[in-house]
């Protein structure tokens, strides 16, 4: 009988742990039902190398949202990115967004630098000032081959 109680308690602990991971993952990735507490912004980039759906969106090093959508515009051949931003964070319309790296071997994230405008971006607006990802492999190849850009 004691063995059965122990197995039941152990099973309950496993189920509670699994539920805890599910709640944590839901909050971390921002997959709440219907995107509660978030508004959508859009931005276009020449390259989104190193980011994917769920990638962090940060301001001053603090996570304020996540990448909600990636796509390619067939007319401009630019990558279109959807950003789900927390409702309590209001961004000036002249804010800029770039794809930044956590370090030489770290992953990439989307970084937003707020502008100084009094007008704020609303749900569905587009951030026009963007900077694409920098490919360290391309930079290394240019260095090794001695390729110089002429301007």
N, C-alpha and C. Protein backbone atom coordinates (compact mmCIF):
# COMPACT_ATOMS: atom_id res chain seq x y z
N UNK A 1 0.82 -1.20 0.00
CA UNK A 1 0.00 0.00 0.00
C UNK A 1 0.86 1.26 0.00
N UNK A 2 1.94 1.26 0.78
CA UNK A 2 2.84 2.42 0.84
C UNK A 2 3.49 2.66 -0.51
N UNK A 3 3.77 1.59 -1.24
CA UNK A 3 4.39 1.70 -2.56
C UNK A 3 3.44 2.41 -3.53
N UNK A 4 2.16 2.11 -3.46
CA UNK A 4 1.16 2.73 -4.33
C UNK A 4 1.01 4.22 -4.04
N UNK A 5 1.05 4.61 -2.78
CA UNK A 5 0.95 6.02 -2.40
C UNK A 5 2.18 6.77 -2.91
N UNK A 6 3.35 6.18 -2.78
CA UNK A 6 4.59 6.80 -3.25
C UNK A 6 4.54 7.01 -4.76
N UNK A 7 4.08 6.00 -5.49
CA UNK A 7 3.99 6.13 -6.94
C UNK A 7 2.98 7.20 -7.34
N UNK A 8 1.89 7.31 -6.63
CA UNK A 8 0.87 8.32 -6.92
C UNK A 8 1.43 9.72 -6.66
N UNK A 9 2.12 9.90 -5.54
CA UNK A 9 2.72 11.20 -5.23
C UNK A 9 3.80 11.57 -6.25
N UNK A 10 4.60 10.61 -6.64
CA UNK A 10 5.64 10.85 -7.63
C UNK A 10 5.02 11.25 -8.98
N UNK A 11 3.94 10.58 -9.36
CA UNK A 11 3.24 10.93 -10.60
C UNK A 11 2.67 12.34 -10.55
N UNK A 12 2.12 12.71 -9.40
CA UNK A 12 1.57 14.06 -9.24
C UNK A 12 2.67 15.11 -9.35
N UNK A 13 3.83 14.84 -8.79
CA UNK A 13 4.97 15.77 -8.88
C UNK A 13 5.40 15.92 -10.33
N UNK A 14 5.46 14.81 -11.06
CA UNK A 14 5.84 14.86 -12.47
C UNK A 14 4.84 15.69 -13.27
N UNK A 15 3.55 15.49 -13.04
CA UNK A 15 2.52 16.25 -13.75
C UNK A 15 2.58 17.75 -13.42
N UNK A 16 2.79 18.08 -12.15
CA UNK A 16 2.91 19.49 -11.76
C UNK A 16 4.15 20.13 -12.39
N UNK A 17 5.24 19.40 -12.46
CA UNK A 17 6.46 19.92 -13.09
C UNK A 17 6.23 20.17 -14.57
N UNK A 18 5.57 19.23 -15.24
CA UNK A 18 5.27 19.40 -16.66
C UNK A 18 4.37 20.61 -16.89
N UNK A 19 3.37 20.80 -16.03
CA UNK A 19 2.49 21.95 -16.15
C UNK A 19 3.26 23.25 -15.93
N UNK A 20 4.20 23.23 -14.99
CA UNK A 20 5.03 24.41 -14.73
C UNK A 20 5.87 24.78 -15.95
N UNK A 21 6.47 23.77 -16.61
CA UNK A 21 7.24 24.03 -17.82
C UNK A 21 6.36 24.58 -18.93
N UNK A 22 5.14 24.07 -19.05
CA UNK A 22 4.22 24.54 -20.08
C UNK A 22 3.85 26.01 -19.85
N UNK A 23 3.58 26.38 -18.61
CA UNK A 23 3.24 27.77 -18.29
C UNK A 23 4.45 28.67 -18.54
N UNK A 24 5.63 28.24 -18.12
CA UNK A 24 6.85 29.02 -18.33
C UNK A 24 7.12 29.21 -19.82
N UNK A 25 7.01 28.15 -20.60
CA UNK A 25 7.22 28.24 -22.04
C UNK A 25 6.22 29.16 -22.71
N UNK A 26 4.98 29.10 -22.27
CA UNK A 26 3.94 29.96 -22.82
C UNK A 26 4.26 31.43 -22.56
N UNK A 27 4.70 31.76 -21.37
CA UNK A 27 5.02 33.14 -21.03
C UNK A 27 6.30 33.61 -21.70
N UNK A 28 7.28 32.74 -21.83
CA UNK A 28 8.55 33.11 -22.42
C UNK A 28 8.44 33.38 -23.90
N UNK A 29 7.75 32.51 -24.62
CA UNK A 29 7.63 32.64 -26.07
C UNK A 29 6.54 33.63 -26.43
N UNK A 30 5.60 33.86 -25.55
CA UNK A 30 4.52 34.81 -25.82
C UNK A 30 3.43 34.23 -26.69
N UNK A 31 3.09 32.98 -26.45
CA UNK A 31 2.05 32.34 -27.24
C UNK A 31 0.73 32.32 -26.50
N UNK A 32 0.41 33.38 -25.82
CA UNK A 32 -0.85 33.45 -25.09
C UNK A 32 -2.03 33.37 -26.03
N UNK A 33 -3.18 33.03 -25.51
CA UNK A 33 -4.38 32.88 -26.34
C UNK A 33 -4.72 34.21 -26.99
N UNK A 34 -4.62 34.24 -28.33
CA UNK A 34 -4.96 35.44 -29.08
C UNK A 34 -3.96 36.56 -28.93
N UNK A 35 -2.77 36.28 -28.38
CA UNK A 35 -1.76 37.32 -28.23
C UNK A 35 -2.15 38.34 -27.18
N UNK A 36 -2.82 37.92 -26.09
CA UNK A 36 -3.27 38.82 -25.04
C UNK A 36 -2.13 39.69 -24.54
N UNK A 37 -2.42 40.98 -24.37
CA UNK A 37 -1.45 41.89 -23.79
C UNK A 37 -0.36 42.30 -24.75
N UNK A 38 -0.56 42.13 -26.06
CA UNK A 38 0.46 42.48 -27.03
C UNK A 38 -0.17 43.17 -28.23
N UNK A 39 0.62 44.00 -28.88
CA UNK A 39 0.18 44.59 -30.15
C UNK A 39 1.24 44.28 -31.20
N UNK A 40 0.82 44.30 -32.46
CA UNK A 40 1.68 43.89 -33.57
C UNK A 40 2.27 45.09 -34.29
N UNK A 41 3.56 45.00 -34.57
CA UNK A 41 4.26 45.95 -35.43
C UNK A 41 4.91 45.18 -36.56
N UNK A 42 5.28 45.88 -37.63
CA UNK A 42 5.90 45.23 -38.78
C UNK A 42 7.17 45.99 -39.15
N UNK A 43 8.13 45.26 -39.73
CA UNK A 43 9.37 45.87 -40.22
C UNK A 43 9.89 45.05 -41.38
N UNK A 44 10.60 45.71 -42.31
CA UNK A 44 11.18 45.02 -43.46
C UNK A 44 12.70 45.10 -43.39
N UNK A 45 13.36 43.99 -43.72
CA UNK A 45 14.82 43.90 -43.66
C UNK A 45 15.36 43.31 -44.95
N UNK A 46 16.61 43.65 -45.28
CA UNK A 46 17.29 42.98 -46.40
C UNK A 46 17.63 41.55 -46.03
N UNK A 47 17.95 41.30 -44.77
CA UNK A 47 18.31 39.96 -44.30
C UNK A 47 17.87 39.78 -42.85
N UNK A 48 17.29 38.63 -42.56
CA UNK A 48 16.91 38.31 -41.18
C UNK A 48 17.66 37.07 -40.71
N UNK A 49 18.86 36.91 -41.21
CA UNK A 49 19.69 35.75 -40.87
C UNK A 49 19.87 35.65 -39.36
N UNK A 50 19.58 34.48 -38.82
CA UNK A 50 19.80 34.22 -37.41
C UNK A 50 18.60 34.42 -36.51
N UNK A 51 17.46 34.87 -37.06
CA UNK A 51 16.27 34.98 -36.21
C UNK A 51 15.18 34.07 -36.75
N UNK A 52 14.24 33.75 -35.88
CA UNK A 52 13.12 32.87 -36.24
C UNK A 52 11.91 33.31 -35.42
N UNK A 53 10.77 32.72 -35.72
CA UNK A 53 9.58 33.00 -34.94
C UNK A 53 9.86 32.64 -33.48
N UNK A 54 9.53 33.54 -32.57
CA UNK A 54 9.79 33.33 -31.15
C UNK A 54 11.05 34.00 -30.65
N UNK A 55 11.89 34.53 -31.56
CA UNK A 55 13.11 35.23 -31.15
C UNK A 55 12.75 36.45 -30.31
N UNK A 56 13.56 36.73 -29.30
CA UNK A 56 13.32 37.86 -28.41
C UNK A 56 13.38 39.20 -29.14
N UNK A 57 12.50 40.12 -28.73
CA UNK A 57 12.58 41.53 -29.10
C UNK A 57 12.95 42.25 -27.81
N UNK A 58 14.06 43.00 -27.83
CA UNK A 58 14.56 43.64 -26.61
C UNK A 58 14.73 45.14 -26.79
N UNK A 59 14.63 45.83 -25.66
CA UNK A 59 14.94 47.25 -25.59
C UNK A 59 15.79 47.45 -24.35
N UNK A 60 16.95 48.04 -24.53
CA UNK A 60 17.90 48.25 -23.43
C UNK A 60 18.23 46.93 -22.73
N UNK A 61 18.25 45.84 -23.48
CA UNK A 61 18.59 44.54 -22.93
C UNK A 61 17.45 43.79 -22.26
N UNK A 62 16.26 44.40 -22.21
CA UNK A 62 15.11 43.79 -21.54
C UNK A 62 14.13 43.29 -22.60
N UNK A 63 13.65 42.06 -22.44
CA UNK A 63 12.70 41.50 -23.39
C UNK A 63 11.38 42.23 -23.29
N UNK A 64 10.91 42.75 -24.44
CA UNK A 64 9.62 43.45 -24.48
C UNK A 64 8.65 42.79 -25.46
N UNK A 65 9.08 41.71 -26.09
CA UNK A 65 8.22 41.04 -27.04
C UNK A 65 8.94 39.92 -27.74
N UNK A 66 8.36 39.46 -28.85
CA UNK A 66 8.96 38.38 -29.62
C UNK A 66 8.58 38.51 -31.09
N UNK A 67 9.35 37.82 -31.92
CA UNK A 67 9.06 37.79 -33.35
C UNK A 67 7.86 36.87 -33.55
N UNK A 68 6.82 37.40 -34.18
CA UNK A 68 5.59 36.62 -34.34
C UNK A 68 5.43 36.06 -35.75
N UNK A 69 6.16 36.64 -36.73
CA UNK A 69 5.97 36.20 -38.10
C UNK A 69 7.19 36.57 -38.94
N UNK A 70 7.56 35.67 -39.85
CA UNK A 70 8.60 35.94 -40.85
C UNK A 70 8.05 35.60 -42.22
N UNK A 71 8.32 36.45 -43.18
CA UNK A 71 7.86 36.18 -44.54
C UNK A 71 8.70 36.95 -45.54
N UNK A 72 8.51 36.65 -46.82
CA UNK A 72 9.24 37.33 -47.88
C UNK A 72 8.25 38.09 -48.75
N UNK A 73 8.51 39.37 -48.98
CA UNK A 73 7.68 40.18 -49.85
C UNK A 73 8.11 39.90 -51.29
N UNK A 74 7.23 39.32 -52.12
CA UNK A 74 7.63 38.95 -53.49
C UNK A 74 7.86 40.15 -54.41
N UNK A 75 7.38 41.33 -54.05
CA UNK A 75 7.60 42.51 -54.88
C UNK A 75 8.95 43.17 -54.57
N UNK A 76 9.30 43.28 -53.29
CA UNK A 76 10.52 43.98 -52.90
C UNK A 76 11.68 43.03 -52.60
N UNK A 77 11.37 41.73 -52.46
CA UNK A 77 12.37 40.71 -52.09
C UNK A 77 13.01 41.00 -50.74
N UNK A 78 12.28 41.66 -49.88
CA UNK A 78 12.75 41.91 -48.53
C UNK A 78 12.02 41.00 -47.56
N UNK A 79 12.70 40.69 -46.46
CA UNK A 79 12.08 39.88 -45.41
C UNK A 79 11.16 40.78 -44.59
N UNK A 80 9.94 40.31 -44.36
CA UNK A 80 8.99 41.04 -43.54
C UNK A 80 8.87 40.33 -42.20
N UNK A 81 8.97 41.12 -41.14
CA UNK A 81 8.98 40.57 -39.79
C UNK A 81 7.82 41.16 -39.00
N UNK A 82 7.06 40.29 -38.33
CA UNK A 82 6.02 40.72 -37.42
C UNK A 82 6.56 40.70 -36.00
N UNK A 83 6.31 41.75 -35.25
CA UNK A 83 6.80 41.86 -33.87
C UNK A 83 5.61 41.99 -32.93
N UNK A 84 5.53 41.12 -31.94
CA UNK A 84 4.50 41.19 -30.91
C UNK A 84 5.11 41.89 -29.70
N UNK A 85 4.64 43.11 -29.42
CA UNK A 85 5.20 43.95 -28.36
C UNK A 85 4.20 44.04 -27.20
N UNK A 86 4.73 44.02 -25.98
CA UNK A 86 3.87 44.15 -24.80
C UNK A 86 3.07 45.44 -24.85
N UNK A 87 1.81 45.37 -24.43
CA UNK A 87 0.91 46.53 -24.46
C UNK A 87 1.40 47.69 -23.59
N UNK A 88 2.12 47.39 -22.52
CA UNK A 88 2.56 48.46 -21.63
C UNK A 88 3.78 49.21 -22.15
N UNK A 89 4.35 48.77 -23.27
CA UNK A 89 5.50 49.44 -23.88
C UNK A 89 5.02 50.21 -25.10
N UNK A 90 5.06 51.52 -25.04
CA UNK A 90 4.67 52.37 -26.17
C UNK A 90 5.94 52.87 -26.84
N UNK A 91 6.00 52.69 -28.17
CA UNK A 91 7.20 53.05 -28.93
C UNK A 91 6.95 54.29 -29.79
N UNK A 92 7.87 55.28 -29.74
CA UNK A 92 7.75 56.44 -30.62
C UNK A 92 7.84 56.02 -32.09
N UNK A 93 7.18 56.78 -32.97
CA UNK A 93 7.12 56.41 -34.38
C UNK A 93 8.47 56.45 -35.08
N UNK A 94 9.45 57.18 -34.53
CA UNK A 94 10.77 57.25 -35.15
C UNK A 94 11.76 56.28 -34.51
N UNK A 95 11.26 55.24 -33.85
CA UNK A 95 12.12 54.21 -33.27
C UNK A 95 12.78 53.43 -34.40
N UNK A 96 13.94 52.85 -34.10
CA UNK A 96 14.57 52.00 -35.11
C UNK A 96 14.74 50.58 -34.56
N UNK A 97 14.81 49.64 -35.47
CA UNK A 97 14.90 48.24 -35.12
C UNK A 97 16.04 47.61 -35.89
N UNK A 98 16.84 46.78 -35.22
CA UNK A 98 17.93 46.10 -35.89
C UNK A 98 18.06 44.69 -35.35
N UNK A 99 18.70 43.86 -36.15
CA UNK A 99 18.99 42.50 -35.72
C UNK A 99 20.39 42.51 -35.14
N UNK A 100 20.49 42.21 -33.86
CA UNK A 100 21.76 42.28 -33.14
C UNK A 100 22.20 40.89 -32.71
N UNK A 101 23.46 40.78 -32.38
CA UNK A 101 24.03 39.50 -31.95
C UNK A 101 24.38 39.57 -30.47
N UNK A 102 24.20 38.45 -29.77
CA UNK A 102 24.53 38.39 -28.35
C UNK A 102 26.04 38.26 -28.13
N UNK A 103 26.78 38.06 -29.15
CA UNK A 103 28.22 37.91 -29.05
C UNK A 103 28.72 37.18 -30.27
N UNK A 104 30.00 36.88 -30.28
CA UNK A 104 30.61 36.24 -31.44
C UNK A 104 29.99 34.89 -31.74
N UNK A 105 29.70 34.13 -30.69
CA UNK A 105 29.13 32.79 -30.88
C UNK A 105 27.68 32.71 -30.39
N UNK A 106 27.13 33.83 -29.93
CA UNK A 106 25.78 33.82 -29.41
C UNK A 106 24.73 33.93 -30.50
N UNK A 107 23.49 33.83 -30.09
CA UNK A 107 22.39 33.92 -31.03
C UNK A 107 22.05 35.37 -31.35
N UNK A 108 21.12 35.55 -32.25
CA UNK A 108 20.66 36.89 -32.62
C UNK A 108 19.35 37.21 -31.93
N UNK A 109 19.05 38.49 -31.83
CA UNK A 109 17.78 38.96 -31.30
C UNK A 109 17.44 40.26 -32.01
N UNK A 110 16.22 40.72 -31.84
CA UNK A 110 15.78 41.97 -32.44
C UNK A 110 15.86 43.05 -31.36
N UNK A 111 16.57 44.13 -31.69
CA UNK A 111 16.75 45.22 -30.74
C UNK A 111 16.04 46.47 -31.24
N UNK A 112 15.24 47.07 -30.37
CA UNK A 112 14.55 48.31 -30.70
C UNK A 112 15.16 49.45 -29.90
N UNK A 113 15.50 50.53 -30.62
CA UNK A 113 15.99 51.75 -29.98
C UNK A 113 14.90 52.79 -30.12
N UNK A 114 14.39 53.30 -28.99
CA UNK A 114 13.29 54.26 -29.07
C UNK A 114 13.74 55.59 -29.66
N UNK A 115 12.84 56.21 -30.40
CA UNK A 115 13.10 57.53 -30.96
C UNK A 115 12.65 58.62 -30.00
N UNK A 116 12.56 59.84 -30.50
CA UNK A 116 12.19 60.96 -29.64
C UNK A 116 10.86 61.60 -29.98
N UNK A 117 10.11 60.99 -30.89
CA UNK A 117 8.83 61.57 -31.32
C UNK A 117 7.78 61.50 -30.22
N UNK A 118 6.85 62.45 -30.26
CA UNK A 118 5.72 62.43 -29.33
C UNK A 118 4.61 61.50 -29.82
N UNK A 119 4.64 61.15 -31.12
CA UNK A 119 3.64 60.24 -31.70
C UNK A 119 4.09 58.80 -31.49
N UNK A 120 3.17 57.96 -31.04
CA UNK A 120 3.49 56.57 -30.75
C UNK A 120 2.98 55.64 -31.85
N UNK A 121 3.68 54.52 -32.04
CA UNK A 121 3.25 53.50 -32.98
C UNK A 121 2.02 52.79 -32.43
N UNK A 122 1.09 52.45 -33.31
CA UNK A 122 -0.13 51.74 -32.91
C UNK A 122 -0.12 50.34 -33.50
N UNK A 123 -1.05 49.53 -33.07
CA UNK A 123 -1.18 48.16 -33.56
C UNK A 123 -1.26 48.15 -35.08
N UNK A 124 -0.40 47.36 -35.73
CA UNK A 124 -0.40 47.23 -37.18
C UNK A 124 0.52 48.20 -37.90
N UNK A 125 1.14 49.15 -37.19
CA UNK A 125 2.04 50.11 -37.82
C UNK A 125 3.35 49.45 -38.22
N UNK A 126 4.10 50.15 -39.10
CA UNK A 126 5.39 49.65 -39.57
C UNK A 126 6.51 50.52 -39.04
N UNK A 127 7.57 49.88 -38.57
CA UNK A 127 8.79 50.59 -38.20
C UNK A 127 9.62 50.72 -39.46
N UNK A 128 9.91 51.96 -39.86
CA UNK A 128 10.57 52.20 -41.14
C UNK A 128 12.10 52.17 -41.05
N UNK A 129 12.66 52.51 -39.90
CA UNK A 129 14.11 52.54 -39.74
C UNK A 129 14.61 51.17 -39.29
N UNK A 130 15.24 50.44 -40.22
CA UNK A 130 15.68 49.08 -39.91
C UNK A 130 17.14 48.88 -40.30
N UNK A 131 17.79 47.95 -39.62
CA UNK A 131 19.15 47.55 -39.95
C UNK A 131 19.20 46.03 -39.94
N UNK A 132 19.62 45.45 -41.04
CA UNK A 132 19.61 44.00 -41.20
C UNK A 132 20.72 43.32 -40.40
N UNK A 133 20.64 42.01 -40.38
CA UNK A 133 21.64 41.20 -39.70
C UNK A 133 22.99 41.32 -40.41
N UNK A 134 24.05 41.27 -39.63
CA UNK A 134 25.40 41.26 -40.17
C UNK A 134 25.89 39.83 -40.17
N UNK A 135 26.31 39.35 -41.32
CA UNK A 135 26.79 37.98 -41.43
C UNK A 135 28.29 37.95 -41.12
N UNK A 136 28.65 37.33 -40.01
CA UNK A 136 30.06 37.24 -39.64
C UNK A 136 30.84 36.37 -40.63
N UNK A 137 30.17 35.38 -41.22
CA UNK A 137 30.82 34.54 -42.21
C UNK A 137 31.19 35.36 -43.44
N UNK A 138 30.28 36.22 -43.91
CA UNK A 138 30.59 37.09 -45.05
C UNK A 138 31.72 38.06 -44.73
N UNK A 139 31.71 38.62 -43.53
CA UNK A 139 32.79 39.52 -43.12
C UNK A 139 34.13 38.79 -43.09
N UNK A 140 34.13 37.58 -42.57
CA UNK A 140 35.35 36.79 -42.50
C UNK A 140 35.87 36.46 -43.90
N UNK A 141 34.96 36.10 -44.81
CA UNK A 141 35.36 35.79 -46.18
C UNK A 141 35.95 37.02 -46.87
N UNK A 142 35.39 38.20 -46.64
CA UNK A 142 35.94 39.42 -47.22
C UNK A 142 37.33 39.69 -46.67
N UNK A 143 37.52 39.44 -45.39
CA UNK A 143 38.82 39.65 -44.77
C UNK A 143 39.85 38.68 -45.34
N UNK A 144 39.48 37.41 -45.45
CA UNK A 144 40.40 36.39 -45.93
C UNK A 144 40.77 36.60 -47.39
N UNK A 145 39.79 36.95 -48.21
CA UNK A 145 40.06 37.13 -49.64
C UNK A 145 40.56 38.52 -49.99
N UNK A 146 40.54 39.44 -49.04
CA UNK A 146 41.01 40.79 -49.30
C UNK A 146 40.06 41.60 -50.14
N UNK A 147 38.80 41.18 -50.20
CA UNK A 147 37.78 41.89 -50.98
C UNK A 147 37.50 43.24 -50.33
N UNK A 148 37.57 44.29 -51.13
CA UNK A 148 37.30 45.64 -50.63
C UNK A 148 36.14 46.23 -51.40
N UNK A 149 35.21 46.83 -50.65
CA UNK A 149 34.10 47.52 -51.30
C UNK A 149 34.56 48.89 -51.74
N UNK A 150 34.18 49.26 -52.93
CA UNK A 150 34.51 50.60 -53.41
C UNK A 150 33.25 51.45 -53.34
N UNK A 151 33.40 52.67 -52.84
CA UNK A 151 32.23 53.49 -52.66
C UNK A 151 32.26 54.71 -53.41
